[in-house]
Amino acid sequence: MSKQYLTTHTVDGAHPTDIFSLAVTSKQILSASGSASLKVHSTTDADFPLSQSIDGAHKLGCHHVTASRDGARLASIGFGGEMKVWNMDHQDQWVEEGQIVDGNEAGESWAIALSQDGQYLASTTYDGRINVWDTIANREKIREYETKGSFGLCIDLSFDGRFTASGHENGGVYIFNNDTGRMLHSLQGLVKPVRAVAFSPGGKLLAAAGDSKVIALYDVSSGEQVANLTGHSSWILSVDWSDTGEFLLSGAFDGKAKIWSIDQRKCVATHTETDKTLWSVKWLPKTGRSEGFATAGANRSISFYREATGG
């Protein structure tokens, strides 16, 4: 079984520099780049209009932005080291709620992830530490995990907030239990830098990928590697699960986006709009029966795809 997706719209020149990160809520897609502004586009209209430009959000640019599933909270981290939390005001505009103050210097913290309800924010550091903050309780740090000291390139929180996963420059992948504050698994199988980790919606599987050009699937409870998804011929920089967990989306350094069937353990669609790096790929909120996704990266544009449905 193969699937077909059609390009429905492209926001050309969405940012003046590379777009490094995308975040999706039920009604919006947010983008971050090497420029100071965060951009917010509506996903409820077919032409994805700009609904807000958060100017001056990060003076030196922003490398990661993440949103809670309920769309109530947003977090971003800039190249200057500042980590900000945002929420929606009464006019449906994002406003800064505050900053995570942890003596962060430029480059100390890197990747970030929010829990489904936006209460917990996790981040990686250059020296392998994993931090978790409670964004509601005065943005206090509630967990600090130690790994083997390798740069934490990516991070994710499970949908229920129970687990944190991180991927590292030395190929290390770790799962932590946030309830007990202990490491649950140190996962084997990837020896090159891991640039993307993502829990499945049900929390049963963890996908990890990076410079090995392979997506490894792990069983979260046992820590066993249950599958290898092969087909990319370049570094994999971003992965994202569909809402049902049936499909996994991946984006790579060579501009290729792939959709993988988890049941079949194989690629069912490949798209190449550009030969420039895809830094971030995200599924969009489902509309009707068809699924869609967005890609962004070094071509400074955001491309939107929708599943081609017959009849």
Protein backbone atom coordinates (compact mmCIF):
# COMPACT_ATOMS: atom_id res chain seq x y z
CA MET A 1 0.00 0.00 0.00
CA SER A 2 1.32 3.40 -0.97
CA LYS A 3 -0.17 6.76 -0.11
CA GLN A 4 -0.23 9.92 -2.14
CA TYR A 5 0.05 13.45 -0.81
CA LEU A 6 -0.38 16.60 -2.86
CA THR A 7 1.23 19.97 -2.24
CA THR A 8 -1.67 22.25 -1.34
CA HIS A 9 0.16 25.46 -0.49
CA THR A 10 3.62 26.91 0.08
CA VAL A 11 4.39 30.01 2.13
CA ASP A 12 7.43 31.26 0.24
CA GLY A 13 9.93 33.33 2.20
CA ALA A 14 8.12 32.67 5.48
CA HIS A 15 11.36 33.70 7.23
CA PRO A 16 14.46 35.53 5.93
CA THR A 17 16.72 32.68 7.12
CA ASP A 18 16.60 28.90 7.58
CA ILE A 19 13.49 27.67 9.42
CA PHE A 20 14.76 25.40 12.17
CA SER A 21 11.61 24.35 13.99
CA LEU A 22 7.85 23.95 13.58
CA ALA A 23 5.17 23.51 16.26
CA VAL A 24 1.52 22.65 15.67
CA THR A 25 -1.67 23.27 17.67
CA SER A 26 -5.25 22.41 16.71
CA LYS A 27 -5.59 25.65 14.72
CA GLN A 28 -2.09 26.99 14.10
CA ILE A 29 1.42 26.22 12.93
CA LEU A 30 4.31 28.15 14.48
CA SER A 31 7.75 28.53 12.96
CA ALA A 32 11.16 29.58 14.29
CA SER A 33 14.27 30.57 12.40
CA GLY A 34 17.61 32.34 12.59
CA SER A 35 15.71 35.65 12.63
CA ALA A 36 14.27 37.31 15.73
CA SER A 37 10.57 36.70 15.02
CA LEU A 38 8.33 33.69 15.56
CA LYS A 39 5.65 33.36 12.87
CA VAL A 40 2.14 32.00 13.46
CA HIS A 41 0.01 30.77 10.53
CA SER A 42 -3.61 29.63 10.71
CA THR A 43 -4.23 26.03 9.63
CA THR A 44 -8.02 26.48 9.45
CA ASP A 45 -7.88 28.39 6.14
CA ALA A 46 -6.75 26.82 2.86
CA ASP A 47 -4.13 29.52 2.19
CA PHE A 48 -2.62 29.31 5.71
CA PRO A 49 -2.62 33.09 6.36
CA LEU A 50 -0.22 34.73 8.81
CA SER A 51 -2.19 35.36 12.01
CA GLN A 52 0.62 36.72 14.19
CA SER A 53 4.28 37.70 13.98
CA ILE A 54 5.91 37.62 17.41
CA ASP A 55 8.57 40.20 16.64
CA GLY A 56 11.72 40.34 18.74
CA ALA A 57 10.94 37.02 20.41
CA HIS A 58 14.59 35.98 20.31
CA LYS A 59 17.16 38.61 19.44
CA LEU A 60 19.70 36.16 17.96
CA GLY A 61 17.12 33.83 16.42
CA CYS A 62 15.38 30.70 17.70
CA HIS A 63 16.38 27.06 17.14
CA HIS A 64 13.49 25.22 18.84
CA VAL A 65 9.81 25.97 19.37
CA THR A 66 7.30 23.55 20.91
CA ALA A 67 3.57 23.75 21.69
CA SER A 68 1.30 21.86 24.06
CA ARG A 69 -1.28 19.65 22.34
CA ASP A 70 -4.15 21.69 23.77
CA GLY A 71 -2.71 24.85 22.18
CA ALA A 72 -2.66 26.75 25.46
CA ARG A 73 1.09 27.04 25.94
CA LEU A 74 4.18 27.52 23.83
CA ALA A 75 7.89 27.37 24.64
CA SER A 76 10.86 28.59 22.61
CA ILE A 77 14.61 28.75 23.03
CA GLY A 78 16.94 31.16 21.30
CA PHE A 79 20.55 31.10 20.19
CA GLY A 80 21.26 33.55 23.03
CA GLY A 81 20.29 30.85 25.57
CA GLU A 82 16.99 32.41 26.69
CA MET A 83 14.10 29.98 27.18
CA LYS A 84 10.64 31.55 27.05
CA VAL A 85 7.14 30.34 27.89
CA TRP A 86 4.13 31.85 26.07
CA ASN A 87 0.39 31.63 26.47
CA MET A 88 -2.72 32.81 24.61
CA ASP A 89 -4.41 36.05 25.62
CA HIS A 90 -8.14 36.80 25.25
CA GLN A 91 -7.60 38.00 21.69
CA ASP A 92 -6.00 34.72 20.59
CA GLN A 93 -2.54 36.28 20.48
CA TRP A 94 0.58 34.71 21.95
CA VAL A 95 2.11 36.73 24.79
CA GLU A 96 5.22 36.03 26.85
CA GLU A 97 4.38 34.46 30.20
CA GLY A 98 7.92 34.40 31.51
CA GLN A 99 11.37 32.88 31.16
CA ILE A 100 12.98 29.77 32.55
CA VAL A 101 15.75 31.19 34.72
CA ASP A 102 18.51 28.68 35.30
CA GLY A 103 21.66 30.65 34.67
CA ASN A 104 21.39 29.56 31.05
CA GLU A 105 24.18 30.78 28.84
CA ALA A 106 24.16 30.65 25.06
CA GLY A 107 24.36 27.04 23.96
CA GLU A 108 23.94 25.53 27.42
CA SER A 109 20.37 24.34 26.82
CA TRP A 110 19.41 23.10 23.38
CA ALA A 111 16.34 21.02 22.50
CA ILE A 112 13.00 21.48 24.31
CA ALA A 113 9.65 19.68 24.56
CA LEU A 114 6.34 20.44 26.29
CA SER A 115 3.95 17.92 27.82
CA GLN A 116 0.50 17.52 26.28
CA ASP A 117 -1.10 19.90 28.79
CA GLY A 118 1.81 22.35 28.73
CA GLN A 119 2.63 21.98 32.41
CA TYR A 120 6.04 20.32 32.00
CA LEU A 121 8.94 21.55 29.90
CA ALA A 122 11.97 19.35 29.28
CA SER A 123 15.30 20.44 27.84
CA THR A 124 18.67 18.99 26.89
CA THR A 125 22.08 20.53 27.57
CA TYR A 126 25.47 20.54 25.86
CA ASP A 127 26.93 18.29 28.59
CA GLY A 128 24.26 15.59 28.61
CA ARG A 129 22.02 16.75 31.45
CA ILE A 130 18.24 16.57 31.01
CA ASN A 131 16.13 19.09 32.91
CA VAL A 132 12.37 19.16 33.52
CA TRP A 133 10.52 22.26 34.73
CA ASP A 134 7.00 22.81 36.00
CA THR A 135 5.81 25.80 33.94
CA ILE A 136 2.88 26.44 36.29
CA ALA A 137 4.63 26.23 39.68
CA ASN A 138 6.84 29.32 39.21
CA ARG A 139 8.72 27.53 36.41
CA GLU A 140 10.73 25.57 38.96
CA LYS A 141 13.06 22.73 38.01
CA ILE A 142 11.59 19.44 39.27
CA ARG A 143 13.93 16.89 37.68
CA GLU A 144 17.55 16.77 36.57
CA TYR A 145 18.83 13.62 34.92
CA GLU A 146 22.46 12.75 34.20
CA THR A 147 23.67 10.86 31.11
CA LYS A 148 27.18 10.14 29.84
CA GLY A 149 27.99 13.79 29.16
CA SER A 150 27.27 13.87 25.42
CA PHE A 151 25.46 16.85 23.82
CA GLY A 152 21.68 16.35 23.97
CA LEU A 153 20.47 17.03 20.42
CA CYS A 154 16.78 16.17 20.82
CA ILE A 155 14.10 15.47 23.42
CA ASP A 156 10.47 14.44 23.77
CA LEU A 157 7.90 13.95 26.51
CA SER A 158 5.33 11.16 26.32
CA PHE A 159 1.71 12.24 25.88
CA ASP A 160 0.87 11.43 29.51
CA GLY A 161 4.01 13.21 30.76
CA ARG A 162 5.32 10.08 32.50
CA PHE A 163 8.42 9.64 30.36
CA THR A 164 11.18 11.80 28.92
CA ALA A 165 13.37 10.59 26.05
CA SER A 166 16.57 12.18 24.79
CA GLY A 167 18.95 11.60 21.87
CA HIS A 168 22.64 12.49 21.99
CA GLU A 169 25.65 13.27 19.83
CA ASN A 170 27.38 10.00 20.77
CA GLY A 171 24.39 7.94 19.55
CA GLY A 172 22.95 7.49 23.03
CA VAL A 173 19.16 7.31 23.49
CA TYR A 174 17.71 7.41 27.01
CA ILE A 175 14.24 7.05 28.51
CA PHE A 176 13.56 8.49 31.97
CA ASN A 177 10.63 7.86 34.30
CA ASN A 178 9.43 11.27 35.48
CA ASP A 179 7.40 9.72 38.34
CA THR A 180 10.39 8.04 39.97
CA GLY A 181 13.07 10.45 38.72
CA ARG A 182 15.15 7.52 37.46
CA MET A 183 16.55 6.37 34.13
CA LEU A 184 14.34 3.64 32.72
CA HIS A 185 16.43 2.57 29.71
CA SER A 186 19.71 3.29 27.98
CA LEU A 187 18.88 2.17 24.45
CA GLN A 188 21.27 0.48 22.07
CA GLY A 189 21.39 0.44 18.28
CA LEU A 190 22.36 3.89 17.04
CA VAL A 191 26.06 4.74 17.13
CA LYS A 192 25.95 8.06 15.27
CA PRO A 193 24.41 11.37 16.45
CA VAL A 194 20.68 11.09 17.21
CA ARG A 195 18.84 14.20 16.02
CA ALA A 196 15.18 13.28 16.56
CA VAL A 197 13.22 11.29 19.16
CA ALA A 198 9.43 10.99 19.40
CA PHE A 199 7.00 8.95 21.52
CA SER A 200 4.02 7.39 19.77
CA PRO A 201 0.63 8.81 20.84
CA GLY A 202 -0.11 5.76 22.99
CA GLY A 203 3.37 5.90 24.51
CA LYS A 204 4.19 2.29 23.57
CA LEU A 205 6.90 3.08 21.03
CA LEU A 206 9.78 5.53 20.76
CA ALA A 207 11.18 6.51 17.36
CA ALA A 208 14.82 7.66 17.20
CA ALA A 209 16.78 8.78 14.14
CA GLY A 210 19.76 10.82 13.01
CA ASP A 211 23.05 10.46 11.16
CA SER A 212 22.71 6.66 10.85
CA LYS A 213 19.96 7.34 8.23
CA VAL A 214 17.80 4.73 9.97
CA ILE A 215 14.70 5.20 12.15
CA ALA A 216 14.90 2.84 15.13
CA LEU A 217 11.66 1.89 16.90
CA TYR A 218 11.89 0.88 20.56
CA ASP A 219 9.37 -0.68 22.92
CA VAL A 220 9.16 1.86 25.76
CA SER A 221 8.32 -0.65 28.51
CA SER A 222 11.01 -3.23 27.70
CA GLY A 223 13.60 -1.03 25.97
CA GLU A 224 13.86 -3.55 23.13
CA GLN A 225 14.50 -2.37 19.59
CA VAL A 226 11.52 -3.76 17.64
CA ALA A 227 12.16 -2.36 14.14
CA ASN A 228 14.51 -0.47 11.83
CA LEU A 229 12.93 1.72 9.15
CA THR A 230 15.41 2.06 6.29
CA GLY A 231 15.16 4.11 3.11
CA HIS A 232 16.61 7.53 3.80
CA SER A 233 19.96 8.17 2.15
CA SER A 234 20.81 11.23 4.25
CA TRP A 235 20.82 12.35 7.89
CA ILE A 236 17.33 12.30 9.42
CA LEU A 237 16.67 15.55 11.28
CA SER A 238 13.00 15.38 12.30
CA VAL A 239 10.32 12.74 13.02
CA ASP A 240 6.66 13.12 14.00
CA TRP A 241 3.84 10.60 14.68
CA SER A 242 0.37 10.92 13.19
CA ASP A 243 -2.43 11.34 15.75
CA THR A 244 -3.46 7.70 15.46
CA GLY A 245 0.09 6.39 15.64
CA GLU A 246 -0.40 4.54 12.33
CA PHE A 247 2.15 6.61 10.45
CA LEU A 248 5.48 8.26 11.11
CA LEU A 249 6.70 11.32 9.19
CA SER A 250 10.42 11.99 8.73
CA GLY A 251 12.48 14.78 7.18
CA ALA A 252 16.10 14.62 6.06
CA PHE A 253 19.18 16.66 5.21
CA ASP A 254 18.69 16.05 1.47
CA GLY A 255 15.20 17.61 1.43
CA LYS A 256 13.27 14.34 1.31
CA ALA A 257 10.19 13.77 3.50
CA LYS A 258 8.95 10.22 3.99
CA ILE A 259 5.81 8.69 5.47
CA TRP A 260 6.15 5.27 7.09
CA SER A 261 3.46 2.70 7.87
CA ILE A 262 4.08 1.38 11.37
CA ASP A 263 2.06 -1.81 10.73
CA GLN A 264 3.92 -2.59 7.51
CA ARG A 265 7.27 -1.27 8.78
CA LYS A 266 7.91 0.36 5.42
CA CYS A 267 7.89 3.70 3.58
CA VAL A 268 4.56 4.40 1.84
CA ALA A 269 5.28 7.87 0.41
CA THR A 270 8.30 10.07 -0.41
CA HIS A 271 8.20 13.78 -1.25
CA THR A 272 10.95 16.06 -2.48
CA GLU A 273 9.89 19.67 -2.91
CA THR A 274 13.45 20.84 -2.47
CA ASP A 275 16.99 19.48 -2.32
CA LYS A 276 17.67 21.77 0.61
CA THR A 277 17.69 20.57 4.20
CA LEU A 278 14.38 19.87 5.97
CA TRP A 279 15.00 20.91 9.56
CA SER A 280 11.46 20.20 10.73
CA VAL A 281 8.41 18.17 9.64
CA LYS A 282 5.02 18.06 11.41
CA TRP A 283 1.64 16.42 10.91
CA LEU A 284 -1.24 18.91 10.73
CA PRO A 285 -4.55 18.64 12.59
CA LYS A 286 -6.75 16.14 10.74
CA THR A 287 -9.58 17.68 8.71
CA GLY A 288 -12.30 15.25 7.77
CA ARG A 289 -10.85 11.99 6.49
CA SER A 290 -7.62 13.32 5.03
CA GLU A 291 -4.33 13.85 6.82
CA GLY A 292 -1.79 16.50 6.02
CA PHE A 293 1.68 17.60 7.03
CA ALA A 294 4.06 20.54 6.78
CA THR A 295 7.78 20.78 6.07
CA ALA A 296 10.28 23.60 6.55
CA GLY A 297 14.01 24.16 6.41
CA ALA A 298 16.84 25.75 4.49
CA ASN A 299 14.66 26.99 1.62
CA ARG A 300 13.03 29.41 4.14
CA SER A 301 9.53 28.34 3.10
CA ILE A 302 6.78 26.26 4.72
CA SER A 303 5.21 23.65 2.40
CA PHE A 304 1.84 22.08 3.15
CA TYR A 305 0.70 18.67 1.92
CA ARG A 306 -2.68 16.95 2.08
CA GLU A 307 -3.52 13.31 1.47
CA ALA A 308 -5.07 12.65 -1.95
CA THR A 309 -8.39 10.87 -1.33
CA GLY A 310 -10.43 9.17 -3.98
CA GLY A 311 -14.12 9.73 -4.64
